[in-house]
Every structure is written in structure tokens, then in C-alpha cells.
Amino acid sequence: MIRLAILASGNGSNMQAIVDAYKFGILKSLAEVILVISNNANAFVLERAKRENIKSVCMERKSFKDDESFNKNILAELQVANIDLVCLAGYMRMVDKEILKVYNGRILNIHPALLPKFGGEGMYGHFVHEAVVKSGEKKSGVTVHFVNEEYDAGKIILQKEVKIFKDDTPEDVARKVLEIGHKVYPQAIKRVIEEKRG
């Protein structure tokens, strides 16, 4: 059984989708969420973890003297829990180089657009959907990709499109993208696990 950790800063609906996928869906007997780490004490993802009896840790950057000690503590939590795969789910920080080195090829992220379009620094949440609508795109979607040292630049694992209609608002696009994201993320995790097993 693959041991998963979720890093999240907000609501945690993608974390919930992954938990549901190992309890009732395509990740059953493949993977289990062992640990949730949030850098935001007010993040609802911590409440979700509590409800699911999953160990959760809140580590806010302001509680540490510098970035190095903050990141060392995150890495230590991952290693103590023997985590195999790390999944970012609305995690609003760049992953540290040391964590990337230790978990090389084992950190995934979900992005609410069809990368390489609408990615990069500052492109997250509603900013993405606003940019997509403003550009007149006829489609958007989600991308699950490996994480590297550049924002949204890692190798793509899986993408799924949604249609955008002329009168769609950024909120409409966000709703469609979130809905398919909940299906796509567990599929991408399954694909990564199966490829690693050869």
C-alpha cells in the first residue's frame, strides 16, 4: 500500500476526493492518505483530516525563524510517516529544493488549467479562471503534473478538458474545473503508482 501525504493551504476538496478514492474508488488497496500538512491554521483541510481520522499537522511559516527550519520540519514529518508519494492540493507555497531532492519524481500537483497555458507564478485559483475567460479560450481543464523547481513546469501526468461557453463567468469555469479535478487527481495518482510498479 502506497503511503500518501497531502500538502494543502485551503478547503481541501481535492484531499477529500483522494481520500474517497482510496476508501470507495480507484485507489482502493493501492494507496492511503497517512498525513495531511497545512501551512494555514484556518484551512478547512485540517477539519477534513480530523473527520477522516488522518494525522494532520499545521505548520505556519511565521512559527519558524526562517524558511530553512520551516522546510526541514515539513521534510521530517514526511520522513517520520514513511511517505511514498506527496500530493499538493491547493498548497500555496513553493516546495523546497531539499524536499524536491528527497522526493524526486514523487511529488504531484493539480493545476486548474491546461498547462503549459495559464501556469507560472501568480497563476492560481480565481486568477487562472479570470485569465482563461479574458483570453476568450474555448476550453480549459485540469493538469496533474510532477513538481520541480519551477512553478507548474514539471512533466505532465494527466490532463482533462472542459468546454467554455461564451457567457461563462470565471466562477462557472472554476466550478467545472473543480468537478473534473476531483476525478482526475485520483486517476493520475493511480497511473503514477502503476508506472512505478512497472
C-alpha atoms as a PDB file:
ATOM      1  CA  MET A   1       0.000   0.000   0.000  1.00  0.00           C
ATOM      2  CA  ILE A   2       1.404   3.369  -1.071  1.00  0.00           C
ATOM      3  CA  ARG A   3       1.526   5.931   1.740  1.00  0.00           C
ATOM      4  CA  LEU A   4       0.311   9.364   0.646  1.00  0.00           C
ATOM      5  CA  ALA A   5       0.758  12.793   2.204  1.00  0.00           C
ATOM      6  CA  ILE A   6      -1.344  15.798   1.233  1.00  0.00           C
ATOM      7  CA  LEU A   7       0.017  19.336   1.452  1.00  0.00           C
ATOM      8  CA  ALA A   8      -2.790  21.896   1.353  1.00  0.00           C
ATOM      9  CA  SER A   9      -3.477  25.500   2.318  1.00  0.00           C
ATOM     10  CA  GLY A  10      -7.243  25.770   1.978  1.00  0.00           C
ATOM     11  CA  ASN A  11     -10.540  23.953   1.711  1.00  0.00           C
ATOM     12  CA  GLY A  12      -9.118  20.529   0.887  1.00  0.00           C
ATOM     13  CA  SER A  13     -11.781  19.326  -1.553  1.00  0.00           C
ATOM     14  CA  ASN A  14      -9.097  17.596  -3.651  1.00  0.00           C
ATOM     15  CA  MET A  15      -7.772  15.943  -0.500  1.00  0.00           C
ATOM     16  CA  GLN A  16     -11.313  14.685   0.150  1.00  0.00           C
ATOM     17  CA  ALA A  17     -11.538  13.327  -3.406  1.00  0.00           C
ATOM     18  CA  ILE A  18      -8.298  11.377  -2.895  1.00  0.00           C
ATOM     19  CA  VAL A  19      -9.495  10.029   0.482  1.00  0.00           C
ATOM     20  CA  ASP A  20     -12.802   8.960  -1.095  1.00  0.00           C
ATOM     21  CA  ALA A  21     -10.901   7.271  -3.936  1.00  0.00           C
ATOM     22  CA  TYR A  22      -8.949   5.046  -1.548  1.00  0.00           C
ATOM     23  CA  LYS A  23     -11.988   4.342   0.621  1.00  0.00           C
ATOM     24  CA  PHE A  24     -14.511   3.609  -2.124  1.00  0.00           C
ATOM     25  CA  GLY A  25     -12.901   4.105  -5.537  1.00  0.00           C
ATOM     26  CA  ILE A  26      -9.987   3.567  -7.854  1.00  0.00           C
ATOM     27  CA  LEU A  27      -7.239   3.861  -5.226  1.00  0.00           C
ATOM     28  CA  LYS A  28      -8.710   1.123  -3.039  1.00  0.00           C
ATOM     29  CA  SER A  29      -5.955  -1.305  -1.943  1.00  0.00           C
ATOM     30  CA  LEU A  30      -3.411   0.848  -3.847  1.00  0.00           C
ATOM     31  CA  ALA A  31      -2.862   3.901  -1.680  1.00  0.00           C
ATOM     32  CA  GLU A  32      -3.900   5.548   1.560  1.00  0.00           C
ATOM     33  CA  VAL A  33      -3.641   9.097   2.879  1.00  0.00           C
ATOM     34  CA  ILE A  34      -1.497   8.862   6.014  1.00  0.00           C
ATOM     35  CA  LEU A  35      -0.715  12.518   6.654  1.00  0.00           C
ATOM     36  CA  VAL A  36      -2.101  15.987   5.933  1.00  0.00           C
ATOM     37  CA  ILE A  37       0.147  19.036   6.335  1.00  0.00           C
ATOM     38  CA  SER A  38      -1.188  22.578   6.109  1.00  0.00           C
ATOM     39  CA  ASN A  39       0.652  25.894   6.336  1.00  0.00           C
ATOM     40  CA  ASN A  40      -2.593  27.647   7.312  1.00  0.00           C
ATOM     41  CA  ALA A  41      -4.139  27.186  10.768  1.00  0.00           C
ATOM     42  CA  ASN A  42      -7.563  28.207   9.417  1.00  0.00           C
ATOM     43  CA  ALA A  43      -7.562  25.768   6.497  1.00  0.00           C
ATOM     44  CA  PHE A  44     -10.674  23.578   6.369  1.00  0.00           C
ATOM     45  CA  VAL A  45      -8.476  20.718   5.145  1.00  0.00           C
ATOM     46  CA  LEU A  46      -7.406  20.242   8.790  1.00  0.00           C
ATOM     47  CA  GLU A  47     -11.038  19.700   9.791  1.00  0.00           C
ATOM     48  CA  ARG A  48     -11.485  17.241   6.916  1.00  0.00           C
ATOM     49  CA  ALA A  49      -8.434  15.274   8.101  1.00  0.00           C
ATOM     50  CA  LYS A  50      -9.807  15.175  11.648  1.00  0.00           C
ATOM     51  CA  ARG A  51     -13.156  13.823  10.410  1.00  0.00           C
ATOM     52  CA  GLU A  52     -11.337  11.098   8.460  1.00  0.00           C
ATOM     53  CA  ASN A  53      -9.047  10.197  11.398  1.00  0.00           C
ATOM     54  CA  ILE A  54      -5.987  11.149   9.392  1.00  0.00           C
ATOM     55  CA  LYS A  55      -2.993  12.622  11.191  1.00  0.00           C
ATOM     56  CA  SER A  56      -2.809  16.332  10.440  1.00  0.00           C
ATOM     57  CA  VAL A  57      -0.064  18.830  11.174  1.00  0.00           C
ATOM     58  CA  CYS A  58      -0.313  22.594  10.919  1.00  0.00           C
ATOM     59  CA  MET A  59       2.976  24.346  10.250  1.00  0.00           C
ATOM     60  CA  GLU A  60       2.772  28.056   9.615  1.00  0.00           C
ATOM     61  CA  ARG A  61       5.866  29.770   8.275  1.00  0.00           C
ATOM     62  CA  LYS A  62       5.593  32.550  10.894  1.00  0.00           C
ATOM     63  CA  SER A  63       6.168  29.973  13.651  1.00  0.00           C
ATOM     64  CA  PHE A  64       9.710  29.309  12.394  1.00  0.00           C
ATOM     65  CA  LYS A  65      12.738  31.567  12.428  1.00  0.00           C
ATOM     66  CA  ASP A  66      13.489  31.063   8.734  1.00  0.00           C
ATOM     67  CA  ASP A  67      12.478  29.162   5.582  1.00  0.00           C
ATOM     68  CA  GLU A  68      15.131  26.522   6.175  1.00  0.00           C
ATOM     69  CA  SER A  69      13.803  25.425   9.566  1.00  0.00           C
ATOM     70  CA  PHE A  70      10.216  25.541   8.278  1.00  0.00           C
ATOM     71  CA  ASN A  71      11.066  23.278   5.329  1.00  0.00           C
ATOM     72  CA  LYS A  72      13.204  20.938   7.459  1.00  0.00           C
ATOM     73  CA  ASN A  73      10.227  20.359   9.729  1.00  0.00           C
ATOM     74  CA  ILE A  74       7.968  19.521   6.777  1.00  0.00           C
ATOM     75  CA  LEU A  75      10.540  17.074   5.423  1.00  0.00           C
ATOM     76  CA  ALA A  76      10.930  15.481   8.860  1.00  0.00           C
ATOM     77  CA  GLU A  77       7.159  14.938   9.130  1.00  0.00           C
ATOM     78  CA  LEU A  78       7.096  13.277   5.700  1.00  0.00           C
ATOM     79  CA  GLN A  79      10.022  11.005   6.522  1.00  0.00           C
ATOM     80  CA  VAL A  80       8.782  10.011  10.007  1.00  0.00           C
ATOM     81  CA  ALA A  81       5.477   8.970   8.398  1.00  0.00           C
ATOM     82  CA  ASN A  82       7.346   6.928   5.725  1.00  0.00           C
ATOM     83  CA  ILE A  83       5.554   8.775   2.944  1.00  0.00           C
ATOM     84  CA  ASP A  84       5.939   7.344  -0.564  1.00  0.00           C
ATOM     85  CA  LEU A  85       4.094   9.996  -2.565  1.00  0.00           C
ATOM     86  CA  VAL A  86       3.333  13.662  -1.821  1.00  0.00           C
ATOM     87  CA  CYS A  87       0.253  15.306  -3.349  1.00  0.00           C
ATOM     88  CA  LEU A  88      -0.127  19.079  -3.379  1.00  0.00           C
ATOM     89  CA  ALA A  89      -3.769  20.131  -3.198  1.00  0.00           C
ATOM     90  CA  GLY A  90      -4.027  23.908  -3.249  1.00  0.00           C
ATOM     91  CA  TYR A  91      -0.703  24.294  -1.431  1.00  0.00           C
ATOM     92  CA  MET A  92       0.237  27.965  -1.646  1.00  0.00           C
ATOM     93  CA  ARG A  93       3.999  27.689  -1.236  1.00  0.00           C
ATOM     94  CA  MET A  94       6.876  26.706  -3.464  1.00  0.00           C
ATOM     95  CA  VAL A  95       8.187  23.275  -2.437  1.00  0.00           C
ATOM     96  CA  ASP A  96      11.697  23.477  -1.023  1.00  0.00           C
ATOM     97  CA  LYS A  97      14.680  22.168  -3.033  1.00  0.00           C
ATOM     98  CA  GLU A  98      15.667  19.705  -0.324  1.00  0.00           C
ATOM     99  CA  ILE A  99      12.169  18.192  -0.239  1.00  0.00           C
ATOM    100  CA  LEU A 100      12.218  18.012  -4.064  1.00  0.00           C
ATOM    101  CA  LYS A 101      15.553  16.188  -3.919  1.00  0.00           C
ATOM    102  CA  VAL A 102      14.425  13.610  -1.345  1.00  0.00           C
ATOM    103  CA  TYR A 103      11.079  13.053  -3.087  1.00  0.00           C
ATOM    104  CA  ASN A 104      12.342  13.394  -6.645  1.00  0.00           C
ATOM    105  CA  GLY A 105       9.646  12.173  -9.063  1.00  0.00           C
ATOM    106  CA  ARG A 106       7.278  11.570  -6.137  1.00  0.00           C
ATOM    107  CA  ILE A 107       5.566  14.955  -5.700  1.00  0.00           C
ATOM    108  CA  LEU A 108       2.386  15.683  -7.676  1.00  0.00           C
ATOM    109  CA  ASN A 109       0.367  18.850  -8.097  1.00  0.00           C
ATOM    110  CA  ILE A 110      -3.014  19.643  -9.629  1.00  0.00           C
ATOM    111  CA  HIS A 111      -3.333  22.881 -11.602  1.00  0.00           C
ATOM    112  CA  PRO A 112      -6.702  24.362 -12.665  1.00  0.00           C
ATOM    113  CA  ALA A 113      -5.819  24.928 -16.341  1.00  0.00           C
ATOM    114  CA  LEU A 114      -4.387  23.109 -19.331  1.00  0.00           C
ATOM    115  CA  LEU A 115      -0.663  23.605 -18.857  1.00  0.00           C
ATOM    116  CA  PRO A 116       1.599  24.960 -20.237  1.00  0.00           C
ATOM    117  CA  LYS A 117      -1.056  27.651 -20.757  1.00  0.00           C
ATOM    118  CA  PHE A 118      -2.060  29.746 -17.729  1.00  0.00           C
ATOM    119  CA  GLY A 119       0.656  28.465 -15.423  1.00  0.00           C
ATOM    120  CA  GLY A 120       3.532  30.016 -13.537  1.00  0.00           C
ATOM    121  CA  GLU A 121       3.963  32.311 -10.559  1.00  0.00           C
ATOM    122  CA  GLY A 122       0.780  34.116  -9.544  1.00  0.00           C
ATOM    123  CA  MET A 123      -1.392  31.778 -11.596  1.00  0.00           C
ATOM    124  CA  TYR A 124      -3.546  30.038  -9.015  1.00  0.00           C
ATOM    125  CA  GLY A 125      -7.216  29.851  -8.042  1.00  0.00           C
ATOM    126  CA  HIS A 126      -9.501  32.543  -9.437  1.00  0.00           C
ATOM    127  CA  PHE A 127      -6.579  34.321 -11.170  1.00  0.00           C
ATOM    128  CA  VAL A 128      -6.338  31.354 -13.546  1.00  0.00           C
ATOM    129  CA  HIS A 129     -10.055  31.279 -14.382  1.00  0.00           C
ATOM    130  CA  GLU A 130     -10.205  35.048 -14.867  1.00  0.00           C
ATOM    131  CA  ALA A 131      -7.258  34.896 -17.278  1.00  0.00           C
ATOM    132  CA  VAL A 132      -8.821  31.990 -19.194  1.00  0.00           C
ATOM    133  CA  VAL A 133     -12.168  33.779 -19.646  1.00  0.00           C
ATOM    134  CA  LYS A 134     -10.487  37.090 -20.548  1.00  0.00           C
ATOM    135  CA  SER A 135      -8.419  35.389 -23.245  1.00  0.00           C
ATOM    136  CA  GLY A 136     -11.537  34.020 -24.985  1.00  0.00           C
ATOM    137  CA  GLU A 137     -10.426  30.373 -24.711  1.00  0.00           C
ATOM    138  CA  LYS A 138     -12.994  27.784 -25.765  1.00  0.00           C
ATOM    139  CA  LYS A 139     -11.691  25.189 -23.334  1.00  0.00           C
ATOM    140  CA  SER A 140      -9.931  24.883 -20.012  1.00  0.00           C
ATOM    141  CA  GLY A 141      -9.410  21.964 -17.684  1.00  0.00           C
ATOM    142  CA  VAL A 142      -7.035  20.471 -15.150  1.00  0.00           C
ATOM    143  CA  THR A 143      -3.476  19.243 -15.294  1.00  0.00           C
ATOM    144  CA  VAL A 144      -1.841  16.876 -12.839  1.00  0.00           C
ATOM    145  CA  HIS A 145       1.928  17.110 -13.109  1.00  0.00           C
ATOM    146  CA  PHE A 146       5.127  16.277 -11.280  1.00  0.00           C
ATOM    147  CA  VAL A 147       6.576  19.123  -9.237  1.00  0.00           C
ATOM    148  CA  ASN A 148      10.009  20.555  -9.962  1.00  0.00           C
ATOM    149  CA  GLU A 149      11.822  23.784  -9.089  1.00  0.00           C
ATOM    150  CA  GLU A 150       9.691  25.905 -11.431  1.00  0.00           C
ATOM    151  CA  TYR A 151       6.024  26.765 -10.921  1.00  0.00           C
ATOM    152  CA  ASP A 152       3.789  24.428 -12.969  1.00  0.00           C
ATOM    153  CA  ALA A 153       6.654  23.263 -15.177  1.00  0.00           C
ATOM    154  CA  GLY A 154       7.024  19.584 -14.243  1.00  0.00           C
ATOM    155  CA  LYS A 155       6.238  16.668 -16.527  1.00  0.00           C
ATOM    156  CA  ILE A 156       2.504  16.314 -17.199  1.00  0.00           C
ATOM    157  CA  ILE A 157       0.866  13.104 -15.959  1.00  0.00           C
ATOM    158  CA  LEU A 158      -2.766  13.662 -16.958  1.00  0.00           C
ATOM    159  CA  GLN A 159      -4.971  16.398 -18.400  1.00  0.00           C
ATOM    160  CA  LYS A 160      -8.712  16.667 -18.849  1.00  0.00           C
ATOM    161  CA  GLU A 161     -10.616  19.348 -20.737  1.00  0.00           C
ATOM    162  CA  VAL A 162     -13.861  21.177 -20.100  1.00  0.00           C
ATOM    163  CA  LYS A 163     -15.719  23.315 -22.632  1.00  0.00           C
ATOM    164  CA  ILE A 164     -16.076  27.023 -22.054  1.00  0.00           C
ATOM    165  CA  PHE A 165     -19.127  28.771 -23.438  1.00  0.00           C
ATOM    166  CA  LYS A 166     -19.303  32.409 -24.478  1.00  0.00           C
ATOM    167  CA  ASP A 167     -21.316  33.523 -21.464  1.00  0.00           C
ATOM    168  CA  ASP A 168     -19.360  31.509 -18.872  1.00  0.00           C
ATOM    169  CA  THR A 169     -18.022  33.568 -15.970  1.00  0.00           C
ATOM    170  CA  PRO A 170     -14.746  32.767 -14.173  1.00  0.00           C
ATOM    171  CA  GLU A 171     -16.928  31.244 -11.414  1.00  0.00           C
ATOM    172  CA  ASP A 172     -18.608  28.932 -13.964  1.00  0.00           C
ATOM    173  CA  VAL A 173     -15.213  27.799 -15.236  1.00  0.00           C
ATOM    174  CA  ALA A 174     -13.950  27.278 -11.669  1.00  0.00           C
ATOM    175  CA  ARG A 175     -16.929  25.046 -10.875  1.00  0.00           C
ATOM    176  CA  LYS A 176     -16.444  22.867 -13.981  1.00  0.00           C
ATOM    177  CA  VAL A 177     -12.694  22.583 -13.432  1.00  0.00           C
ATOM    178  CA  LEU A 178     -13.033  21.674  -9.744  1.00  0.00           C
ATOM    179  CA  GLU A 179     -15.571  18.972 -10.556  1.00  0.00           C
ATOM    180  CA  ILE A 180     -13.358  17.193 -13.076  1.00  0.00           C
ATOM    181  CA  GLY A 181     -10.298  17.738 -10.904  1.00  0.00           C
ATOM    182  CA  HIS A 182     -11.835  15.554  -8.211  1.00  0.00           C
ATOM    183  CA  LYS A 183     -11.990  12.684 -10.730  1.00  0.00           C
ATOM    184  CA  VAL A 184      -8.666  13.315 -12.469  1.00  0.00           C
ATOM    185  CA  TYR A 185      -6.369  13.591  -9.440  1.00  0.00           C
ATOM    186  CA  PRO A 186      -7.030  10.038  -8.163  1.00  0.00           C
ATOM    187  CA  GLN A 187      -6.654   8.733 -11.756  1.00  0.00           C
ATOM    188  CA  ALA A 188      -3.262  10.439 -12.042  1.00  0.00           C
ATOM    189  CA  ILE A 189      -2.117   9.023  -8.696  1.00  0.00           C
ATOM    190  CA  LYS A 190      -3.168   5.549  -9.829  1.00  0.00           C
ATOM    191  CA  ARG A 191      -1.218   5.977 -13.071  1.00  0.00           C
ATOM    192  CA  VAL A 192       1.945   7.057 -11.216  1.00  0.00           C
ATOM    193  CA  ILE A 193       1.727   4.123  -8.787  1.00  0.00           C
ATOM    194  CA  GLU A 194       1.195   1.609 -11.596  1.00  0.00           C
ATOM    195  CA  GLU A 195       4.083   3.023 -13.647  1.00  0.00           C
ATOM    196  CA  LYS A 196       6.423   2.909 -10.673  1.00  0.00           C
ATOM    197  CA  ARG A 197       5.464  -0.710 -10.077  1.00  0.00           C
ATOM    198  CA  GLY A 198       6.237  -1.409 -13.719  1.00  0.00           C
END
